Amino acid sequence: MSSTTTQDVSRRDFLYIATGTVGAVGTALAAWPFIDQMNPDASVLALASTEFDMAPLQEGQGVTVMWRGKPVFIRHRTKKEIEDATKVPLAELKDPIARNANLPPDAPATDENRVKDANGKANPKYLVQIGICTHLGCVPLGEAGPFNAWFCPCHGSVYDTSGRIRSGPAPRNLDIPPFKYVSDTKIVIG
């Protein structure tokens, strides 16, 4: 092989690589607007977390806030509601798992585990839970049913003052969303 042939091969290889590189970069630049438009917009990102100050809630009062399009029940529980919830033996529960996104998936459904935040802080006065029945996705009524807690009239699921399923067709306790206390009474959900 002569040096001219070797140079031709080197130039040809360089041209192939350079053409391929320019084509790949051009394709990536042309595709970027399509890929970027799949990112969530500002209104969706704003719903990713919700801040709520629980200080105005009176004992025995509950409110519903929206987080990611889901109702979240926040209740300032009475001393009796807390006592009733803590006295329940785990063996009596239909679902013995806490269902708290802030704890390990197998954490037991004690009342204390149902009120813990992402930092492990438990404030038994306040219960924060997603207000969607775990049977078919209905929204349970508050201060109703045999436990004067949550009752889903659609199919008869009954939850206690800790949001644990006690009777009816719902298979699991109401879910606890990821949240954390940023002060003694202010939380951020999400």
C-alpha atoms as a PDB file:
ATOM      1  CA  MET A   1       0.000   0.000   0.000  1.00  0.00           C
ATOM      2  CA  SER A   2       1.269   3.382  -0.873  1.00  0.00           C
ATOM      3  CA  SER A   3       1.260   6.400   1.402  1.00  0.00           C
ATOM      4  CA  THR A   4      -1.386   8.024  -0.803  1.00  0.00           C
ATOM      5  CA  THR A   5      -3.779   5.145  -0.201  1.00  0.00           C
ATOM      6  CA  THR A   6      -3.130   5.282   3.536  1.00  0.00           C
ATOM      7  CA  GLN A   7      -3.837   9.007   3.529  1.00  0.00           C
ATOM      8  CA  ASP A   8      -7.058   8.460   1.547  1.00  0.00           C
ATOM      9  CA  VAL A   9      -8.223   5.871   4.053  1.00  0.00           C
ATOM     10  CA  SER A  10      -7.421   8.175   6.995  1.00  0.00           C
ATOM     11  CA  ARG A  11      -9.200  11.120   5.349  1.00  0.00           C
ATOM     12  CA  ARG A  12     -12.186   8.940   4.450  1.00  0.00           C
ATOM     13  CA  ASP A  13     -12.408   7.596   8.036  1.00  0.00           C
ATOM     14  CA  PHE A  14     -12.188  11.127   9.384  1.00  0.00           C
ATOM     15  CA  LEU A  15     -14.950  12.319   7.027  1.00  0.00           C
ATOM     16  CA  TYR A  16     -17.211   9.405   8.033  1.00  0.00           C
ATOM     17  CA  ILE A  17     -16.697  10.067  11.736  1.00  0.00           C
ATOM     18  CA  ALA A  18     -17.126  13.845  11.353  1.00  0.00           C
ATOM     19  CA  THR A  19     -20.293  13.428   9.258  1.00  0.00           C
ATOM     20  CA  GLY A  20     -21.735  10.944  11.750  1.00  0.00           C
ATOM     21  CA  THR A  21     -20.940  13.225  14.686  1.00  0.00           C
ATOM     22  CA  VAL A  22     -22.524  16.274  13.046  1.00  0.00           C
ATOM     23  CA  GLY A  23     -25.591  14.176  12.182  1.00  0.00           C
ATOM     24  CA  ALA A  24     -25.922  12.867  15.756  1.00  0.00           C
ATOM     25  CA  VAL A  25     -25.567  16.358  17.265  1.00  0.00           C
ATOM     26  CA  GLY A  26     -28.065  17.761  14.765  1.00  0.00           C
ATOM     27  CA  THR A  27     -30.578  15.009  15.564  1.00  0.00           C
ATOM     28  CA  ALA A  28     -30.176  15.623  19.307  1.00  0.00           C
ATOM     29  CA  LEU A  29     -30.662  19.381  18.860  1.00  0.00           C
ATOM     30  CA  ALA A  30     -33.739  18.817  16.701  1.00  0.00           C
ATOM     31  CA  ALA A  31     -35.211  16.328  19.199  1.00  0.00           C
ATOM     32  CA  TRP A  32     -34.564  18.484  22.305  1.00  0.00           C
ATOM     33  CA  PRO A  33     -37.748  20.625  22.031  1.00  0.00           C
ATOM     34  CA  PHE A  34     -39.857  17.471  21.813  1.00  0.00           C
ATOM     35  CA  ILE A  35     -38.122  15.891  24.812  1.00  0.00           C
ATOM     36  CA  ASP A  36     -38.233  19.115  26.843  1.00  0.00           C
ATOM     37  CA  GLN A  37     -41.980  19.548  26.334  1.00  0.00           C
ATOM     38  CA  MET A  38     -42.531  16.288  28.223  1.00  0.00           C
ATOM     39  CA  ASN A  39     -41.254  17.839  31.466  1.00  0.00           C
ATOM     40  CA  PRO A  40     -43.962  18.960  33.897  1.00  0.00           C
ATOM     41  CA  ASP A  41     -44.926  22.620  33.666  1.00  0.00           C
ATOM     42  CA  ALA A  42     -44.775  25.079  36.565  1.00  0.00           C
ATOM     43  CA  SER A  43     -48.375  24.461  37.663  1.00  0.00           C
ATOM     44  CA  VAL A  44     -47.709  20.744  38.082  1.00  0.00           C
ATOM     45  CA  LEU A  45     -44.476  21.360  39.960  1.00  0.00           C
ATOM     46  CA  ALA A  46     -46.312  23.741  42.277  1.00  0.00           C
ATOM     47  CA  LEU A  47     -48.660  20.897  43.245  1.00  0.00           C
ATOM     48  CA  ALA A  48     -45.752  18.591  44.076  1.00  0.00           C
ATOM     49  CA  SER A  49     -45.789  19.896  47.642  1.00  0.00           C
ATOM     50  CA  THR A  50     -48.330  21.680  49.790  1.00  0.00           C
ATOM     51  CA  GLU A  51     -47.629  23.676  52.929  1.00  0.00           C
ATOM     52  CA  PHE A  52     -50.280  23.871  55.628  1.00  0.00           C
ATOM     53  CA  ASP A  53     -50.366  25.633  59.001  1.00  0.00           C
ATOM     54  CA  MET A  54     -52.364  23.567  61.495  1.00  0.00           C
ATOM     55  CA  ALA A  55     -52.319  26.219  64.259  1.00  0.00           C
ATOM     56  CA  PRO A  56     -55.823  27.558  63.448  1.00  0.00           C
ATOM     57  CA  LEU A  57     -57.352  24.061  63.758  1.00  0.00           C
ATOM     58  CA  GLN A  58     -59.314  23.699  66.964  1.00  0.00           C
ATOM     59  CA  GLU A  59     -59.299  20.398  68.858  1.00  0.00           C
ATOM     60  CA  GLY A  60     -61.783  18.063  67.159  1.00  0.00           C
ATOM     61  CA  GLN A  61     -61.691  19.992  63.877  1.00  0.00           C
ATOM     62  CA  GLY A  62     -60.571  18.609  60.544  1.00  0.00           C
ATOM     63  CA  VAL A  63     -59.883  20.117  57.128  1.00  0.00           C
ATOM     64  CA  THR A  64     -59.298  18.747  53.667  1.00  0.00           C
ATOM     65  CA  VAL A  65     -56.466  20.112  51.541  1.00  0.00           C
ATOM     66  CA  MET A  66     -55.530  19.066  48.023  1.00  0.00           C
ATOM     67  CA  TRP A  67     -52.155  17.531  47.191  1.00  0.00           C
ATOM     68  CA  ARG A  68     -51.408  16.172  43.715  1.00  0.00           C
ATOM     69  CA  GLY A  69     -55.125  16.166  42.966  1.00  0.00           C
ATOM     70  CA  LYS A  70     -55.918  14.022  46.017  1.00  0.00           C
ATOM     71  CA  PRO A  71     -57.810  15.052  49.140  1.00  0.00           C
ATOM     72  CA  VAL A  72     -55.685  14.987  52.292  1.00  0.00           C
ATOM     73  CA  PHE A  73     -57.517  14.895  55.616  1.00  0.00           C
ATOM     74  CA  ILE A  74     -55.808  16.824  58.407  1.00  0.00           C
ATOM     75  CA  ARG A  75     -57.416  16.411  61.811  1.00  0.00           C
ATOM     76  CA  HIS A  76     -56.623  17.942  65.193  1.00  0.00           C
ATOM     77  CA  ARG A  77     -57.663  14.965  67.276  1.00  0.00           C
ATOM     78  CA  THR A  78     -59.245  15.169  70.708  1.00  0.00           C
ATOM     79  CA  LYS A  79     -57.647  13.482  73.722  1.00  0.00           C
ATOM     80  CA  LYS A  80     -60.385  10.842  73.615  1.00  0.00           C
ATOM     81  CA  GLU A  81     -59.716  10.115  69.916  1.00  0.00           C
ATOM     82  CA  ILE A  82     -56.011   9.667  70.676  1.00  0.00           C
ATOM     83  CA  GLU A  83     -56.737   7.447  73.704  1.00  0.00           C
ATOM     84  CA  ASP A  84     -59.185   5.315  71.712  1.00  0.00           C
ATOM     85  CA  ALA A  85     -56.642   4.888  68.903  1.00  0.00           C
ATOM     86  CA  THR A  86     -53.745   3.957  71.177  1.00  0.00           C
ATOM     87  CA  LYS A  87     -55.779   1.341  73.096  1.00  0.00           C
ATOM     88  CA  VAL A  88     -56.522  -0.796  70.017  1.00  0.00           C
ATOM     89  CA  PRO A  89     -54.507  -4.055  70.017  1.00  0.00           C
ATOM     90  CA  LEU A  90     -52.776  -4.695  66.687  1.00  0.00           C
ATOM     91  CA  ALA A  91     -54.351  -8.170  66.591  1.00  0.00           C
ATOM     92  CA  GLU A  92     -57.797  -6.532  66.198  1.00  0.00           C
ATOM     93  CA  LEU A  93     -56.787  -4.616  63.073  1.00  0.00           C
ATOM     94  CA  LYS A  94     -57.828  -5.805  59.634  1.00  0.00           C
ATOM     95  CA  ASP A  95     -54.607  -4.280  58.212  1.00  0.00           C
ATOM     96  CA  PRO A  96     -51.656  -4.435  60.664  1.00  0.00           C
ATOM     97  CA  ILE A  97     -49.379  -2.268  58.450  1.00  0.00           C
ATOM     98  CA  ALA A  98     -49.038   1.503  59.114  1.00  0.00           C
ATOM     99  CA  ARG A  99     -49.204   2.506  55.401  1.00  0.00           C
ATOM    100  CA  ASN A 100     -47.100   5.565  56.250  1.00  0.00           C
ATOM    101  CA  ALA A 101     -44.913   6.748  53.346  1.00  0.00           C
ATOM    102  CA  ASN A 102     -42.522   8.193  55.948  1.00  0.00           C
ATOM    103  CA  LEU A 103     -41.734   4.789  57.502  1.00  0.00           C
ATOM    104  CA  PRO A 104     -40.510   1.390  56.277  1.00  0.00           C
ATOM    105  CA  PRO A 105     -43.212  -0.514  54.347  1.00  0.00           C
ATOM    106  CA  ASP A 106     -43.602  -3.121  57.090  1.00  0.00           C
ATOM    107  CA  ALA A 107     -44.007  -0.713  60.044  1.00  0.00           C
ATOM    108  CA  PRO A 108     -46.851  -1.831  62.343  1.00  0.00           C
ATOM    109  CA  ALA A 109     -50.099   0.184  62.375  1.00  0.00           C
ATOM    110  CA  THR A 110     -49.697   1.582  65.879  1.00  0.00           C
ATOM    111  CA  ASP A 111     -51.234   4.996  66.407  1.00  0.00           C
ATOM    112  CA  GLU A 112     -47.744   6.442  66.926  1.00  0.00           C
ATOM    113  CA  ASN A 113     -46.602   5.102  63.521  1.00  0.00           C
ATOM    114  CA  ARG A 114     -49.667   6.613  61.847  1.00  0.00           C
ATOM    115  CA  VAL A 115     -48.708  10.159  62.930  1.00  0.00           C
ATOM    116  CA  LYS A 116     -44.919  10.136  62.277  1.00  0.00           C
ATOM    117  CA  ASP A 117     -43.447  12.510  59.709  1.00  0.00           C
ATOM    118  CA  ALA A 118     -40.439  12.015  57.413  1.00  0.00           C
ATOM    119  CA  ASN A 119     -38.053  13.032  60.226  1.00  0.00           C
ATOM    120  CA  GLY A 120     -39.559  10.505  62.650  1.00  0.00           C
ATOM    121  CA  LYS A 121     -41.329  13.228  64.632  1.00  0.00           C
ATOM    122  CA  ALA A 122     -44.695  12.136  66.015  1.00  0.00           C
ATOM    123  CA  ASN A 123     -47.273  14.681  67.099  1.00  0.00           C
ATOM    124  CA  PRO A 124     -50.298  12.629  68.206  1.00  0.00           C
ATOM    125  CA  LYS A 125     -52.607  15.669  68.115  1.00  0.00           C
ATOM    126  CA  TYR A 126     -52.479  15.826  64.314  1.00  0.00           C
ATOM    127  CA  LEU A 127     -53.369  13.067  61.892  1.00  0.00           C
ATOM    128  CA  VAL A 128     -52.493  13.628  58.220  1.00  0.00           C
ATOM    129  CA  GLN A 129     -53.811  11.047  55.741  1.00  0.00           C
ATOM    130  CA  ILE A 130     -54.888  10.713  52.124  1.00  0.00           C
ATOM    131  CA  GLY A 131     -58.682  10.843  52.048  1.00  0.00           C
ATOM    132  CA  ILE A 132     -59.286   8.115  49.493  1.00  0.00           C
ATOM    133  CA  CYS A 133     -60.984   4.875  50.505  1.00  0.00           C
ATOM    134  CA  THR A 134     -58.717   1.935  49.769  1.00  0.00           C
ATOM    135  CA  HIS A 135     -61.625  -0.136  48.449  1.00  0.00           C
ATOM    136  CA  LEU A 136     -62.714   1.642  45.267  1.00  0.00           C
ATOM    137  CA  GLY A 137     -61.318   5.160  45.627  1.00  0.00           C
ATOM    138  CA  CYS A 138     -64.318   6.965  47.127  1.00  0.00           C
ATOM    139  CA  VAL A 139     -63.868   9.840  49.595  1.00  0.00           C
ATOM    140  CA  PRO A 140     -64.943   8.808  53.116  1.00  0.00           C
ATOM    141  CA  LEU A 141     -67.065  11.077  55.284  1.00  0.00           C
ATOM    142  CA  GLY A 142     -65.444  12.497  58.415  1.00  0.00           C
ATOM    143  CA  GLU A 143     -66.891  12.272  61.917  1.00  0.00           C
ATOM    144  CA  ALA A 144     -69.131   9.393  60.874  1.00  0.00           C
ATOM    145  CA  GLY A 145     -69.543   5.682  61.464  1.00  0.00           C
ATOM    146  CA  PRO A 146     -69.295   3.605  64.643  1.00  0.00           C
ATOM    147  CA  PHE A 147     -65.910   5.108  65.623  1.00  0.00           C
ATOM    148  CA  ASN A 148     -67.049   8.673  64.845  1.00  0.00           C
ATOM    149  CA  ALA A 149     -64.045   8.882  62.537  1.00  0.00           C
ATOM    150  CA  TRP A 150     -64.274   8.104  58.783  1.00  0.00           C
ATOM    151  CA  PHE A 151     -66.965   6.135  57.032  1.00  0.00           C
ATOM    152  CA  CYS A 152     -67.291   5.397  53.318  1.00  0.00           C
ATOM    153  CA  PRO A 153     -71.034   5.266  52.601  1.00  0.00           C
ATOM    154  CA  CYS A 154     -70.549   3.826  49.109  1.00  0.00           C
ATOM    155  CA  HIS A 155     -69.672   0.330  50.314  1.00  0.00           C
ATOM    156  CA  GLY A 156     -69.573   0.600  54.117  1.00  0.00           C
ATOM    157  CA  SER A 157     -65.863   0.766  54.943  1.00  0.00           C
ATOM    158  CA  VAL A 158     -65.293   1.963  58.507  1.00  0.00           C
ATOM    159  CA  TYR A 159     -62.056   3.603  59.679  1.00  0.00           C
ATOM    160  CA  ASP A 160     -61.077   4.457  63.260  1.00  0.00           C
ATOM    161  CA  THR A 161     -59.669   7.705  64.705  1.00  0.00           C
ATOM    162  CA  SER A 162     -56.233   6.733  63.414  1.00  0.00           C
ATOM    163  CA  GLY A 163     -57.475   6.073  59.857  1.00  0.00           C
ATOM    164  CA  ARG A 164     -57.131   2.300  60.171  1.00  0.00           C
ATOM    165  CA  ILE A 165     -59.681   0.054  58.477  1.00  0.00           C
ATOM    166  CA  ARG A 166     -61.843  -1.668  61.067  1.00  0.00           C
ATOM    167  CA  SER A 167     -64.680  -3.187  59.015  1.00  0.00           C
ATOM    168  CA  GLY A 168     -66.097  -3.255  55.524  1.00  0.00           C
ATOM    169  CA  PRO A 169     -64.602  -4.207  52.170  1.00  0.00           C
ATOM    170  CA  ALA A 170     -61.584  -1.841  52.172  1.00  0.00           C
ATOM    171  CA  PRO A 171     -58.434  -3.989  52.296  1.00  0.00           C
ATOM    172  CA  ARG A 172     -56.032  -1.439  53.811  1.00  0.00           C
ATOM    173  CA  ASN A 173     -55.691   1.520  56.117  1.00  0.00           C
ATOM    174  CA  LEU A 174     -55.904   5.041  54.692  1.00  0.00           C
ATOM    175  CA  ASP A 175     -52.475   6.009  53.342  1.00  0.00           C
ATOM    176  CA  ILE A 176     -50.270   8.555  55.094  1.00  0.00           C
ATOM    177  CA  PRO A 177     -48.582  10.868  52.552  1.00  0.00           C
ATOM    178  CA  PRO A 178     -44.949  11.908  52.762  1.00  0.00           C
ATOM    179  CA  PHE A 179     -44.870  14.988  54.987  1.00  0.00           C
ATOM    180  CA  LYS A 180     -42.649  16.736  57.504  1.00  0.00           C
ATOM    181  CA  TYR A 181     -43.015  19.334  60.203  1.00  0.00           C
ATOM    182  CA  VAL A 182     -41.241  22.623  59.441  1.00  0.00           C
ATOM    183  CA  SER A 183     -42.415  24.051  62.786  1.00  0.00           C
ATOM    184  CA  ASP A 184     -44.546  22.763  65.675  1.00  0.00           C
ATOM    185  CA  THR A 185     -47.758  23.303  63.705  1.00  0.00           C
ATOM    186  CA  LYS A 186     -46.700  23.800  60.077  1.00  0.00           C
ATOM    187  CA  ILE A 187     -46.212  20.865  57.706  1.00  0.00           C
ATOM    188  CA  VAL A 188     -45.122  20.373  54.111  1.00  0.00           C
ATOM    189  CA  ILE A 189     -46.848  17.528  52.303  1.00  0.00           C
ATOM    190  CA  GLY A 190     -44.880  15.989  49.447  1.00  0.00           C
END
